[in-house]
Amino acid sequence: MEQSFLIDTNIIIDIFKPSIPSLVKSKLADIPLVVSAVTYMEILGWPNATEQQLKPIQEFMNNAKILLIDKPVMETTIKIRQMKKIALGDAIITATALVHKSSTCRAGFHFSIHVQVPSHSIISFNVS
């Protein structure tokens, strides 16, 4: 199974900053990228964004696999929130990565948890 990287909203925002070299952006096309449904809604729901601002982000999203919120993600989200005070969106994104066994790419966020995922043993998951 090929390793995938679940990209968080903050990383996508950082990728599209003018200060990020285009070489870095082009290298992302070589990596199997996935985003959670939460990230998809957060980034494309950017208030007051112009069509010009959204177009490259929409193209990026068209090339990423979107992981939907299903029952295993919901159950894992509940377990995460029972263990640690965490925003619902962050818990869903973390649960999505756990359930789909994706590595996460996040900015400005750090915690460590242990979660029992249905039909799997205890998984240690660190987000930095």
C-alpha atoms as a PDB file:
ATOM      1  CA  MET A   1       0.000   0.000   0.000  1.00  0.00           C
ATOM      2  CA  GLU A   2       1.426   3.354  -1.057  1.00  0.00           C
ATOM      3  CA  GLN A   3       1.998   5.912   1.717  1.00  0.00           C
ATOM      4  CA  SER A   4      -0.386   8.847   1.505  1.00  0.00           C
ATOM      5  CA  PHE A   5      -0.220  12.236   3.182  1.00  0.00           C
ATOM      6  CA  LEU A   6      -3.305  13.866   4.605  1.00  0.00           C
ATOM      7  CA  ILE A   7      -2.816  17.605   4.139  1.00  0.00           C
ATOM      8  CA  ASP A   8      -4.376  19.903   6.730  1.00  0.00           C
ATOM      9  CA  THR A   9      -6.052  23.227   5.930  1.00  0.00           C
ATOM     10  CA  ASN A  10      -3.177  25.302   7.332  1.00  0.00           C
ATOM     11  CA  ILE A  11      -0.672  23.546   5.075  1.00  0.00           C
ATOM     12  CA  ILE A  12      -2.803  24.244   2.004  1.00  0.00           C
ATOM     13  CA  ILE A  13      -3.066  27.904   3.003  1.00  0.00           C
ATOM     14  CA  ASP A  14       0.735  28.023   3.420  1.00  0.00           C
ATOM     15  CA  ILE A  15       1.299  26.324   0.052  1.00  0.00           C
ATOM     16  CA  PHE A  16      -0.599  29.068  -1.734  1.00  0.00           C
ATOM     17  CA  LYS A  17       1.219  31.966  -0.081  1.00  0.00           C
ATOM     18  CA  PRO A  18       3.242  33.990  -2.599  1.00  0.00           C
ATOM     19  CA  SER A  19       6.426  33.381  -0.576  1.00  0.00           C
ATOM     20  CA  ILE A  20       6.389  29.620  -1.311  1.00  0.00           C
ATOM     21  CA  PRO A  21       8.612  28.820  -4.321  1.00  0.00           C
ATOM     22  CA  SER A  22       6.820  27.380  -7.336  1.00  0.00           C
ATOM     23  CA  LEU A  23       9.294  24.459  -7.301  1.00  0.00           C
ATOM     24  CA  VAL A  24       7.906  23.376  -3.925  1.00  0.00           C
ATOM     25  CA  LYS A  25       4.359  23.602  -5.257  1.00  0.00           C
ATOM     26  CA  SER A  26       5.227  21.580  -8.362  1.00  0.00           C
ATOM     27  CA  LYS A  27       6.883  18.823  -6.272  1.00  0.00           C
ATOM     28  CA  LEU A  28       3.569  18.269  -4.484  1.00  0.00           C
ATOM     29  CA  ALA A  29       2.197  16.817  -7.717  1.00  0.00           C
ATOM     30  CA  ASP A  30       4.565  13.843  -7.221  1.00  0.00           C
ATOM     31  CA  ILE A  31       3.154  12.957  -3.786  1.00  0.00           C
ATOM     32  CA  PRO A  32      -0.151  11.087  -3.285  1.00  0.00           C
ATOM     33  CA  LEU A  33      -2.091  13.774  -1.425  1.00  0.00           C
ATOM     34  CA  VAL A  34      -5.321  13.307   0.438  1.00  0.00           C
ATOM     35  CA  VAL A  35      -7.481  15.787   2.297  1.00  0.00           C
ATOM     36  CA  SER A  36     -10.290  15.238   4.745  1.00  0.00           C
ATOM     37  CA  ALA A  37     -13.799  16.384   3.965  1.00  0.00           C
ATOM     38  CA  VAL A  38     -13.330  18.981   6.727  1.00  0.00           C
ATOM     39  CA  THR A  39     -10.289  20.480   5.007  1.00  0.00           C
ATOM     40  CA  TYR A  40     -12.114  20.483   1.675  1.00  0.00           C
ATOM     41  CA  MET A  41     -15.011  22.436   3.192  1.00  0.00           C
ATOM     42  CA  GLU A  42     -12.770  24.782   5.192  1.00  0.00           C
ATOM     43  CA  ILE A  43     -10.503  25.747   2.310  1.00  0.00           C
ATOM     44  CA  LEU A  44     -13.158  26.105  -0.396  1.00  0.00           C
ATOM     45  CA  GLY A  45     -15.500  27.871   2.034  1.00  0.00           C
ATOM     46  CA  TRP A  46     -13.028  30.761   2.285  1.00  0.00           C
ATOM     47  CA  PRO A  47     -15.244  33.816   2.913  1.00  0.00           C
ATOM     48  CA  ASN A  48     -15.033  36.625   0.371  1.00  0.00           C
ATOM     49  CA  ALA A  49     -12.444  34.801  -1.751  1.00  0.00           C
ATOM     50  CA  THR A  50     -12.260  35.847  -5.368  1.00  0.00           C
ATOM     51  CA  GLU A  51     -12.466  33.416  -8.276  1.00  0.00           C
ATOM     52  CA  GLN A  52      -8.802  34.221  -8.985  1.00  0.00           C
ATOM     53  CA  GLN A  53      -7.838  33.211  -5.429  1.00  0.00           C
ATOM     54  CA  LEU A  54      -9.911  30.029  -5.443  1.00  0.00           C
ATOM     55  CA  LYS A  55      -8.957  28.741  -8.904  1.00  0.00           C
ATOM     56  CA  PRO A  56      -5.483  27.346  -8.005  1.00  0.00           C
ATOM     57  CA  ILE A  57      -6.840  25.920  -4.757  1.00  0.00           C
ATOM     58  CA  GLN A  58      -9.696  24.219  -6.618  1.00  0.00           C
ATOM     59  CA  GLU A  59      -7.168  22.747  -9.086  1.00  0.00           C
ATOM     60  CA  PHE A  60      -5.123  21.473  -6.129  1.00  0.00           C
ATOM     61  CA  MET A  61      -8.249  19.929  -4.600  1.00  0.00           C
ATOM     62  CA  ASN A  62      -9.170  18.300  -7.924  1.00  0.00           C
ATOM     63  CA  ASN A  63      -5.839  16.434  -7.801  1.00  0.00           C
ATOM     64  CA  ALA A  64      -6.212  15.318  -4.188  1.00  0.00           C
ATOM     65  CA  LYS A  65      -8.226  12.379  -2.932  1.00  0.00           C
ATOM     66  CA  ILE A  66     -11.010  13.529  -0.586  1.00  0.00           C
ATOM     67  CA  LEU A  67     -11.586  11.233   2.406  1.00  0.00           C
ATOM     68  CA  LEU A  68     -15.207  11.372   3.506  1.00  0.00           C
ATOM     69  CA  ILE A  69     -16.574  11.291   7.028  1.00  0.00           C
ATOM     70  CA  ASP A  70     -17.898   7.760   7.486  1.00  0.00           C
ATOM     71  CA  LYS A  71     -18.944   5.760  10.570  1.00  0.00           C
ATOM     72  CA  PRO A  72     -15.390   4.610  11.525  1.00  0.00           C
ATOM     73  CA  VAL A  73     -14.172   8.235  11.282  1.00  0.00           C
ATOM     74  CA  MET A  74     -17.100   9.390  13.438  1.00  0.00           C
ATOM     75  CA  GLU A  75     -16.454   6.704  16.083  1.00  0.00           C
ATOM     76  CA  THR A  76     -12.739   7.501  16.193  1.00  0.00           C
ATOM     77  CA  THR A  77     -13.509  11.231  16.427  1.00  0.00           C
ATOM     78  CA  ILE A  78     -15.693  10.559  19.460  1.00  0.00           C
ATOM     79  CA  LYS A  79     -12.908   8.577  21.156  1.00  0.00           C
ATOM     80  CA  ILE A  80     -10.386  11.349  20.475  1.00  0.00           C
ATOM     81  CA  ARG A  81     -12.682  14.024  21.914  1.00  0.00           C
ATOM     82  CA  GLN A  82     -13.413  11.883  24.979  1.00  0.00           C
ATOM     83  CA  MET A  83      -9.672  11.697  25.662  1.00  0.00           C
ATOM     84  CA  LYS A  84      -8.582  15.261  24.917  1.00  0.00           C
ATOM     85  CA  LYS A  85     -10.200  18.655  24.615  1.00  0.00           C
ATOM     86  CA  ILE A  86      -9.783  19.354  20.916  1.00  0.00           C
ATOM     87  CA  ALA A  87     -11.775  21.262  18.315  1.00  0.00           C
ATOM     88  CA  LEU A  88     -14.225  19.102  16.388  1.00  0.00           C
ATOM     89  CA  GLY A  89     -12.609  19.831  12.997  1.00  0.00           C
ATOM     90  CA  ASP A  90      -9.141  18.899  14.275  1.00  0.00           C
ATOM     91  CA  ALA A  91     -10.521  15.715  15.834  1.00  0.00           C
ATOM     92  CA  ILE A  92     -12.231  14.722  12.565  1.00  0.00           C
ATOM     93  CA  ILE A  93      -9.051  15.348  10.561  1.00  0.00           C
ATOM     94  CA  THR A  94      -7.002  13.305  13.053  1.00  0.00           C
ATOM     95  CA  ALA A  95      -9.561  10.496  13.046  1.00  0.00           C
ATOM     96  CA  THR A  96      -9.613  10.503   9.239  1.00  0.00           C
ATOM     97  CA  ALA A  97      -5.839  10.040   9.166  1.00  0.00           C
ATOM     98  CA  LEU A  98      -6.008   7.251  11.736  1.00  0.00           C
ATOM     99  CA  VAL A  99      -8.786   5.337  10.027  1.00  0.00           C
ATOM    100  CA  HIS A 100      -7.206   5.646   6.589  1.00  0.00           C
ATOM    101  CA  LYS A 101      -3.650   5.097   7.881  1.00  0.00           C
ATOM    102  CA  SER A 102      -2.369   8.304   6.307  1.00  0.00           C
ATOM    103  CA  SER A 103       0.502  10.402   7.585  1.00  0.00           C
ATOM    104  CA  THR A 104      -0.599  13.924   8.401  1.00  0.00           C
ATOM    105  CA  CYS A 105       0.986  17.202   7.403  1.00  0.00           C
ATOM    106  CA  ARG A 106      -0.063  19.960   9.782  1.00  0.00           C
ATOM    107  CA  ALA A 107       1.226  23.328  10.903  1.00  0.00           C
ATOM    108  CA  GLY A 108       1.140  24.838  14.376  1.00  0.00           C
ATOM    109  CA  PHE A 109      -0.401  21.855  16.113  1.00  0.00           C
ATOM    110  CA  HIS A 110       1.051  19.291  18.509  1.00  0.00           C
ATOM    111  CA  PHE A 111      -0.396  16.551  20.680  1.00  0.00           C
ATOM    112  CA  SER A 112      -0.089  12.832  21.251  1.00  0.00           C
ATOM    113  CA  ILE A 113      -2.946  10.376  21.719  1.00  0.00           C
ATOM    114  CA  HIS A 114      -3.656   6.655  21.753  1.00  0.00           C
ATOM    115  CA  VAL A 115      -6.846   5.512  20.064  1.00  0.00           C
ATOM    116  CA  GLN A 116      -8.521   2.126  19.702  1.00  0.00           C
ATOM    117  CA  VAL A 117      -9.697   2.014  16.094  1.00  0.00           C
ATOM    118  CA  PRO A 118     -12.380  -0.592  15.319  1.00  0.00           C
ATOM    119  CA  SER A 119     -10.808  -3.847  14.088  1.00  0.00           C
ATOM    120  CA  HIS A 120      -7.281  -2.546  14.824  1.00  0.00           C
ATOM    121  CA  SER A 121      -5.013  -2.608  17.836  1.00  0.00           C
ATOM    122  CA  ILE A 122      -4.127   0.502  19.808  1.00  0.00           C
ATOM    123  CA  ILE A 123      -2.592   3.091  17.488  1.00  0.00           C
ATOM    124  CA  SER A 124      -0.230   5.750  18.769  1.00  0.00           C
ATOM    125  CA  PHE A 125      -0.633   8.903  16.752  1.00  0.00           C
ATOM    126  CA  ASN A 126       1.561  11.980  17.047  1.00  0.00           C
ATOM    127  CA  VAL A 127       0.757  15.226  15.326  1.00  0.00           C
ATOM    128  CA  SER A 128       3.445  17.857  15.131  1.00  0.00           C
END
